[in-house]
Amino acid sequence: MTKLSHFSDVDALRKEIRRGTFTSSTAGLSSGYVQANFVALPRVYALDFLLWCIRNPRPCPIIEVLDDGRTTSDVFLNNLDIRVDIPLYRFFSKNALERELLEIREVWRPDLYTFLLGCSFTLDDILIDSGLPVRHVDENSVVPMYITQINTIPAGLFSGPVVVTMRPMKKAQALKAARITASYNFAHGAPISIGGSSQLGIGDLGSPDFGEPVTVCADEIPVFWACGVTTQVAIANAKLEFAISHAPGRMLITSVHTKDAHKKLDSLKEYHP
């Protein structure tokens, strides 16, 4: 199986991201580190968004929340700066996507709450190491993403359909992938559908709503995982005055290795007086 060319290490990739010279998909490039979706919202929207994520944990699994304009942490952002360590950002202003940015220091505000949400790109290295195909990595493309007819549970301003990613596999491979990914709830867990395009309201796999189409062989079926781009659809529906997210497929590569993620998440639940 051919993988994307890896950087010498994740630090080399981070340097390119900070320079603004790497703006492509991060799929297959994290060297086993947890990847995350990113959303930053003013305090006035934060509670509604938090409640919406809690009500919809499959597409929106929270791994960390930063308050009051914080840009780093010692949990998933050790030695990182959320304003410069993502390849490409989306800036929403006055109820619409205004522009994409290489870094967001110029628009950062002290009242912003940052939400880091799990990403299925974290699963890609696990699937590849298990001998399973990850077509968007093989074809050096952005994973195809589709808006489904499944609705999230609303909370305050936030509502809208679930977005899914698709990875084509043979049926036996799909069942193996489901077993392997089920224990990684922080990265969307097991697929929400195996082979069920019509049940999700997806008519044409060759026309994704985000990302790029990939090859689906005659003996393969589409396998769909919940996707954090669900948040961006909800933000657009909410018509917020201000919001920032990552661009689809251009994720935050956190400072935590996947093998250590469960321990890190458990530590956040502990009480430290």
Protein backbone atom coordinates (compact mmCIF):
# COMPACT_ATOMS: atom_id res chain seq x y z
CA MET A 1 0.00 0.00 0.00
CA THR A 2 1.40 3.38 -1.02
CA LYS A 3 1.17 6.11 1.58
CA LEU A 4 1.65 9.82 1.21
CA SER A 5 5.24 10.94 1.56
CA HIS A 6 5.79 11.62 5.24
CA PHE A 7 7.78 14.50 6.56
CA SER A 8 10.90 13.49 8.46
CA ASP A 9 8.87 13.96 11.65
CA VAL A 10 5.77 15.77 12.84
CA ASP A 11 7.87 18.77 13.95
CA ALA A 12 9.07 19.27 10.38
CA LEU A 13 5.44 19.33 9.22
CA ARG A 14 4.52 21.82 11.95
CA LYS A 15 7.28 24.18 10.79
CA GLU A 16 5.91 24.14 7.25
CA ILE A 17 2.39 24.80 8.54
CA ARG A 18 3.59 27.76 10.63
CA ARG A 19 5.44 29.21 7.63
CA GLY A 20 2.29 28.98 5.57
CA THR A 21 3.98 26.73 3.01
CA PHE A 22 1.84 23.64 3.74
CA THR A 23 -1.90 24.11 3.18
CA SER A 24 -2.93 20.63 2.02
CA SER A 25 -4.83 17.80 3.66
CA THR A 26 -3.18 16.38 6.80
CA ALA A 27 -4.53 12.85 6.21
CA GLY A 28 -1.77 10.27 6.62
CA LEU A 29 0.79 12.86 7.74
CA SER A 30 0.44 12.99 11.52
CA SER A 31 2.92 10.20 12.38
CA GLY A 32 0.41 8.67 14.78
CA TYR A 33 -0.60 11.87 16.59
CA VAL A 34 -4.23 12.71 17.33
CA GLN A 35 -5.77 15.05 14.77
CA ALA A 36 -8.58 17.42 15.70
CA ASN A 37 -11.29 19.64 14.31
CA PHE A 38 -11.11 23.25 15.50
CA VAL A 39 -13.87 25.75 16.25
CA ALA A 40 -13.48 29.13 18.00
CA LEU A 41 -16.56 31.11 19.03
CA PRO A 42 -17.28 34.19 21.13
CA ARG A 43 -18.35 33.49 24.71
CA VAL A 44 -21.95 34.41 23.92
CA TYR A 45 -22.29 31.32 21.67
CA ALA A 46 -20.10 28.91 23.65
CA LEU A 47 -22.71 27.36 25.96
CA ASP A 48 -25.13 26.59 23.14
CA PHE A 49 -22.32 25.06 21.10
CA LEU A 50 -21.06 22.98 24.03
CA LEU A 51 -24.56 21.63 24.69
CA TRP A 52 -25.00 20.84 21.00
CA CYS A 53 -21.73 18.87 20.94
CA ILE A 54 -22.71 16.95 24.09
CA ARG A 55 -26.03 16.03 22.47
CA ASN A 56 -24.26 14.88 19.29
CA PRO A 57 -21.10 13.03 20.40
CA ARG A 58 -20.62 10.92 17.26
CA PRO A 59 -19.98 13.82 14.86
CA CYS A 60 -18.78 16.20 17.60
CA PRO A 61 -16.61 14.33 20.17
CA ILE A 62 -15.08 16.98 22.43
CA ILE A 63 -11.46 16.37 23.39
CA GLU A 64 -10.63 19.77 24.91
CA VAL A 65 -12.14 23.22 25.48
CA LEU A 66 -10.15 26.42 26.04
CA ASP A 67 -11.79 29.53 27.46
CA ASP A 68 -11.20 33.29 27.54
CA GLY A 69 -8.96 33.59 24.49
CA ARG A 70 -6.43 30.92 25.51
CA THR A 71 -4.36 29.73 22.56
CA THR A 72 -2.49 26.77 24.04
CA SER A 73 -2.71 24.16 26.79
CA ASP A 74 -0.60 21.48 28.43
CA VAL A 75 -3.00 18.72 27.38
CA PHE A 76 -3.51 18.48 23.59
CA LEU A 77 -1.69 21.70 22.65
CA ASN A 78 1.66 21.40 24.42
CA ASN A 79 4.08 23.85 22.69
CA LEU A 80 1.42 24.64 20.10
CA ASP A 81 -0.47 27.84 19.25
CA ILE A 82 -3.99 27.32 17.95
CA ARG A 83 -3.71 30.52 15.87
CA VAL A 84 -0.85 29.33 13.64
CA ASP A 85 -0.68 25.51 13.83
CA ILE A 86 -3.44 24.60 11.36
CA PRO A 87 -2.71 24.56 7.59
CA LEU A 88 -5.76 26.61 6.61
CA TYR A 89 -8.51 28.38 8.57
CA ARG A 90 -12.02 29.50 7.72
CA PHE A 91 -13.22 32.86 9.06
CA PHE A 92 -16.97 33.42 9.36
CA SER A 93 -18.17 36.99 9.83
CA LYS A 94 -21.50 38.73 9.54
CA ASN A 95 -23.42 35.51 8.97
CA ALA A 96 -21.29 34.06 6.15
CA LEU A 97 -17.94 32.48 5.29
CA GLU A 98 -15.85 35.59 4.66
CA ARG A 99 -12.44 34.17 3.72
CA GLU A 100 -9.79 31.52 4.33
CA LEU A 101 -6.62 32.42 6.24
CA LEU A 102 -3.17 30.90 6.73
CA GLU A 103 -3.14 32.10 10.35
CA ILE A 104 -5.65 33.89 12.57
CA ARG A 105 -3.68 36.16 14.90
CA GLU A 106 -5.11 39.23 13.16
CA VAL A 107 -8.72 38.22 13.91
CA TRP A 108 -8.19 36.62 17.33
CA ARG A 109 -10.26 37.97 20.24
CA PRO A 110 -9.89 37.64 24.03
CA ASP A 111 -13.50 36.41 24.43
CA LEU A 112 -13.08 33.35 22.21
CA TYR A 113 -13.75 29.83 23.41
CA THR A 114 -11.88 27.12 21.50
CA PHE A 115 -13.32 23.65 20.96
CA LEU A 116 -11.11 20.76 19.84
CA LEU A 117 -13.16 17.88 18.46
CA GLY A 118 -11.99 14.45 17.42
CA CYS A 119 -11.25 13.65 13.77
CA SER A 120 -11.38 10.41 11.80
CA PHE A 121 -7.94 11.21 10.33
CA THR A 122 -6.69 9.88 13.67
CA LEU A 123 -8.08 6.52 12.58
CA ASP A 124 -6.32 6.52 9.22
CA ASP A 125 -2.91 5.50 10.58
CA ILE A 126 -4.59 2.79 12.66
CA LEU A 127 -6.45 1.44 9.62
CA ILE A 128 -3.32 1.52 7.45
CA ASP A 129 -1.26 -0.24 10.13
CA SER A 130 -4.00 -2.91 10.23
CA GLY A 131 -3.62 -3.55 6.50
CA LEU A 132 -6.84 -1.76 5.51
CA PRO A 133 -7.17 0.63 2.55
CA VAL A 134 -7.50 4.37 3.07
CA ARG A 135 -8.17 5.54 -0.46
CA HIS A 136 -7.82 9.31 0.03
CA VAL A 137 -4.33 8.73 1.45
CA ASP A 138 -3.42 6.40 -1.42
CA GLU A 139 -4.67 8.93 -3.99
CA ASN A 140 -3.20 11.98 -2.23
CA SER A 141 -6.57 13.71 -2.07
CA VAL A 142 -8.89 15.28 0.48
CA VAL A 143 -11.29 12.73 2.00
CA PRO A 144 -14.77 12.93 0.42
CA MET A 145 -17.40 14.37 2.78
CA TYR A 146 -21.17 14.30 2.32
CA ILE A 147 -24.07 16.12 3.95
CA THR A 148 -26.60 13.48 5.02
CA GLN A 149 -30.33 13.53 5.69
CA ILE A 150 -29.69 12.64 9.34
CA ASN A 151 -30.28 15.64 11.58
CA THR A 152 -28.35 16.48 14.71
CA ILE A 153 -30.18 17.15 17.98
CA PRO A 154 -30.54 20.94 18.18
CA ALA A 155 -29.28 23.12 21.02
CA GLY A 156 -29.91 26.86 21.10
CA LEU A 157 -28.66 28.39 17.86
CA PHE A 158 -27.06 25.19 16.59
CA SER A 159 -28.70 22.56 14.42
CA GLY A 160 -28.35 20.91 11.04
CA PRO A 161 -27.47 17.66 9.29
CA VAL A 162 -24.69 15.22 10.09
CA VAL A 163 -21.73 15.24 7.70
CA VAL A 164 -19.87 11.98 7.02
CA THR A 165 -16.54 10.94 5.53
CA MET A 166 -16.35 7.96 3.18
CA ARG A 167 -13.69 5.27 2.80
CA PRO A 168 -14.41 2.50 0.26
CA MET A 169 -13.56 -1.06 1.33
CA LYS A 170 -14.47 -4.65 0.62
CA LYS A 171 -17.18 -5.94 2.97
CA ALA A 172 -14.82 -8.04 5.08
CA GLN A 173 -12.46 -5.08 5.38
CA ALA A 174 -15.33 -2.81 6.41
CA LEU A 175 -16.34 -5.17 9.21
CA LYS A 176 -12.74 -5.33 10.41
CA ALA A 177 -12.50 -1.53 10.31
CA ALA A 178 -15.68 -1.25 12.38
CA ARG A 179 -14.27 -3.56 15.05
CA ILE A 180 -10.94 -1.71 15.18
CA THR A 181 -12.36 1.83 15.32
CA ALA A 182 -15.18 1.15 17.79
CA SER A 183 -12.93 1.82 20.79
CA TYR A 184 -11.84 5.25 19.50
CA ASN A 185 -14.91 7.28 20.38
CA PHE A 186 -12.79 10.42 20.66
CA ALA A 187 -12.19 10.10 16.87
CA HIS A 188 -15.83 9.34 15.89
CA GLY A 189 -15.63 5.63 16.74
CA ALA A 190 -17.11 2.96 14.47
CA PRO A 191 -18.74 3.77 11.11
CA ILE A 192 -22.33 5.04 11.26
CA SER A 193 -23.15 3.18 8.04
CA ILE A 194 -21.62 0.41 5.93
CA GLY A 195 -22.82 0.45 2.34
CA GLY A 196 -25.88 2.57 3.12
CA SER A 197 -25.57 5.56 0.81
CA SER A 198 -29.29 5.80 0.08
CA GLN A 199 -30.20 5.52 3.77
CA LEU A 200 -28.04 8.57 4.43
CA GLY A 201 -29.57 10.48 1.52
CA ILE A 202 -26.36 10.42 -0.53
CA GLY A 203 -27.17 10.12 -4.22
CA ASP A 204 -23.81 10.40 -6.00
CA LEU A 205 -20.57 9.32 -4.36
CA GLY A 206 -18.69 11.07 -7.16
CA SER A 207 -19.97 14.49 -6.04
CA PRO A 208 -19.01 15.05 -2.41
CA ASP A 209 -20.12 18.25 -0.66
CA PHE A 210 -16.59 18.76 0.67
CA GLY A 211 -13.26 17.21 -0.26
CA GLU A 212 -12.64 15.24 -3.43
CA PRO A 213 -14.07 12.03 -4.92
CA VAL A 214 -12.03 8.84 -4.65
CA THR A 215 -12.01 5.62 -6.62
CA VAL A 216 -14.58 3.02 -5.53
CA CYS A 217 -13.79 -0.39 -7.05
CA ALA A 218 -16.51 -2.76 -8.26
CA ASP A 219 -16.02 -5.14 -5.31
CA GLU A 220 -16.08 -2.36 -2.70
CA ILE A 221 -18.79 -0.68 -0.64
CA PRO A 222 -18.77 2.82 0.87
CA VAL A 223 -18.06 3.00 4.59
CA PHE A 224 -19.17 6.17 6.34
CA TRP A 225 -17.83 7.72 9.53
CA ALA A 226 -19.36 10.75 11.28
CA CYS A 227 -17.37 13.90 10.53
CA GLY A 228 -16.49 17.07 12.44
CA VAL A 229 -17.35 19.24 9.42
CA THR A 230 -20.87 18.82 10.83
CA THR A 231 -19.87 21.77 13.03
CA GLN A 232 -19.20 24.02 10.05
CA VAL A 233 -22.61 23.31 8.55
CA ALA A 234 -24.20 24.14 11.91
CA ILE A 235 -22.19 27.37 12.17
CA ALA A 236 -23.36 28.41 8.70
CA ASN A 237 -26.97 27.58 9.63
CA ALA A 238 -26.71 29.59 12.85
CA LYS A 239 -25.64 32.74 10.95
CA LEU A 240 -23.19 33.80 13.65
CA GLU A 241 -21.64 37.24 13.84
CA PHE A 242 -18.16 35.71 14.28
CA ALA A 243 -16.64 32.22 14.16
CA ILE A 244 -13.41 30.50 13.10
CA SER A 245 -12.81 26.89 12.05
CA HIS A 246 -10.24 24.83 10.19
CA ALA A 247 -10.74 24.31 6.46
CA PRO A 248 -12.12 20.82 5.72
CA GLY A 249 -9.31 18.24 5.60
CA ARG A 250 -6.74 20.65 7.08
CA MET A 251 -6.68 19.52 10.68
CA LEU A 252 -4.89 20.43 13.85
CA ILE A 253 -2.21 17.83 14.59
CA THR A 254 -2.18 17.79 18.38
CA SER A 255 0.75 17.12 20.72
CA VAL A 256 -0.73 13.82 21.93
CA HIS A 257 0.05 10.47 20.34
CA THR A 258 -2.96 8.27 19.65
CA LYS A 259 -1.69 5.55 21.99
CA ASP A 260 -1.74 8.05 24.85
CA ALA A 261 -5.06 9.72 24.03
CA HIS A 262 -7.33 7.66 26.28
CA LYS A 263 -5.07 8.36 29.28
CA LYS A 264 -5.01 12.09 28.47
CA LEU A 265 -8.79 12.23 28.18
CA ASP A 266 -9.21 10.36 31.47
CA SER A 267 -6.89 12.85 33.17
CA LEU A 268 -9.22 15.70 32.17
CA LYS A 269 -11.99 14.05 34.19
CA GLU A 270 -9.96 13.97 37.39
CA TYR A 271 -10.52 16.56 40.09
CA HIS A 272 -7.42 18.54 41.01
CA PRO A 273 -8.20 20.95 43.91
